[in-house]
Protein backbone atom coordinates (compact mmCIF):
# COMPACT_ATOMS: atom_id res chain seq x y z
CA MET A 1 -51.61 -159.82 44.56
CA LYS A 2 -48.30 -159.58 42.76
CA HIS A 3 -48.12 -158.08 39.28
CA GLU A 4 -46.31 -161.18 37.96
CA GLU A 5 -49.13 -163.45 39.17
CA THR A 6 -51.70 -161.32 37.35
CA VAL A 7 -49.61 -161.34 34.17
CA THR A 8 -49.33 -165.14 34.35
CA LYS A 9 -53.10 -165.52 34.76
CA VAL A 10 -53.73 -163.15 31.84
CA MET A 11 -51.28 -165.12 29.66
CA ASP A 12 -53.08 -168.36 30.58
CA ALA A 13 -56.41 -166.76 29.62
CA LEU A 14 -55.06 -165.62 26.25
CA GLU A 15 -53.61 -169.09 25.59
CA SER A 16 -57.04 -170.60 26.27
CA ILE A 17 -58.73 -168.45 23.60
CA ARG A 18 -55.88 -168.35 21.07
CA PRO A 19 -57.08 -171.51 19.22
CA PHE A 20 -60.44 -169.83 18.48
CA LEU A 21 -58.70 -166.75 17.10
CA ASN A 22 -56.23 -168.87 15.10
CA LYS A 23 -59.13 -170.77 13.56
CA ASP A 24 -60.34 -167.49 12.04
CA GLY A 25 -56.83 -166.54 10.89
CA GLY A 26 -56.17 -164.18 13.79
CA ASP A 27 -54.07 -164.02 16.91
CA ILE A 28 -53.65 -161.95 20.06
CA GLU A 29 -50.59 -160.57 21.82
CA LEU A 30 -50.31 -159.30 25.38
CA ILE A 31 -48.77 -155.83 25.35
CA ASP A 32 -48.98 -154.86 29.02
CA VAL A 33 -50.88 -155.17 32.27
CA GLN A 34 -51.31 -151.73 33.84
CA GLY A 35 -53.02 -151.94 37.19
CA GLN A 36 -56.45 -153.46 36.49
CA THR A 37 -56.27 -152.92 32.73
CA VAL A 38 -54.87 -155.34 30.15
CA LEU A 39 -53.57 -154.04 26.83
CA VAL A 40 -53.55 -156.46 23.90
CA LYS A 41 -52.94 -156.27 20.17
CA LEU A 42 -55.00 -158.21 17.65
CA HIS A 43 -53.17 -159.69 14.67
CA GLY A 44 -54.08 -161.23 11.32
CA ASN A 45 -57.76 -161.33 10.40
CA CYS A 46 -58.71 -160.09 13.89
CA ASN A 47 -57.01 -156.73 13.32
CA GLY A 48 -59.62 -154.37 11.87
CA CYS A 49 -62.34 -157.02 11.72
CA PRO A 50 -65.80 -155.50 12.32
CA MET A 51 -66.45 -158.24 14.90
CA SER A 52 -63.22 -157.53 16.81
CA PHE A 53 -65.00 -155.28 19.34
CA SER A 54 -67.43 -158.09 20.17
CA THR A 55 -64.58 -160.58 20.24
CA MET A 56 -62.71 -158.33 22.67
CA LYS A 57 -65.61 -157.64 25.04
CA LEU A 58 -67.47 -160.96 24.92
CA GLY A 59 -64.60 -163.35 24.36
CA VAL A 60 -61.28 -161.95 25.46
CA GLU A 61 -62.37 -159.69 28.32
CA THR A 62 -64.78 -162.26 29.77
CA THR A 63 -62.14 -165.00 29.65
CA VAL A 64 -59.43 -162.81 31.14
CA LYS A 65 -61.74 -161.82 34.01
CA GLN A 66 -62.48 -165.50 34.69
CA PHE A 67 -58.76 -166.24 34.97
CA ALA A 68 -57.85 -162.95 36.69
CA PRO A 69 -60.85 -161.43 38.52
CA GLU A 70 -58.74 -158.44 39.55
CA ILE A 71 -58.75 -157.24 35.93
CA LEU A 72 -61.49 -154.70 35.17
CA GLU A 73 -60.88 -153.98 31.49
CA VAL A 74 -59.19 -155.35 28.38
CA LEU A 75 -58.31 -152.86 25.66
CA ALA A 76 -57.04 -153.51 22.14
CA ILE A 77 -54.40 -151.10 20.90
CA GLU A 78 -53.35 -150.52 17.31
């Protein structure tokens, strides 16, 4: 699979969950796709929120894996 295809699928996944993050005053930005790992940055209320780890693992990572099964991990960077 081409890197660009994976990036496109990851972007589509993030777009699908962005409205839920926006509703809570947050947002998410794709930083990079490195192999089977996606790096994102949380913005607004999501950044530093105690629930952000759960949001990342249960919401973001699960959704990204549905769109792009080749992805193994989604990490939030500061």
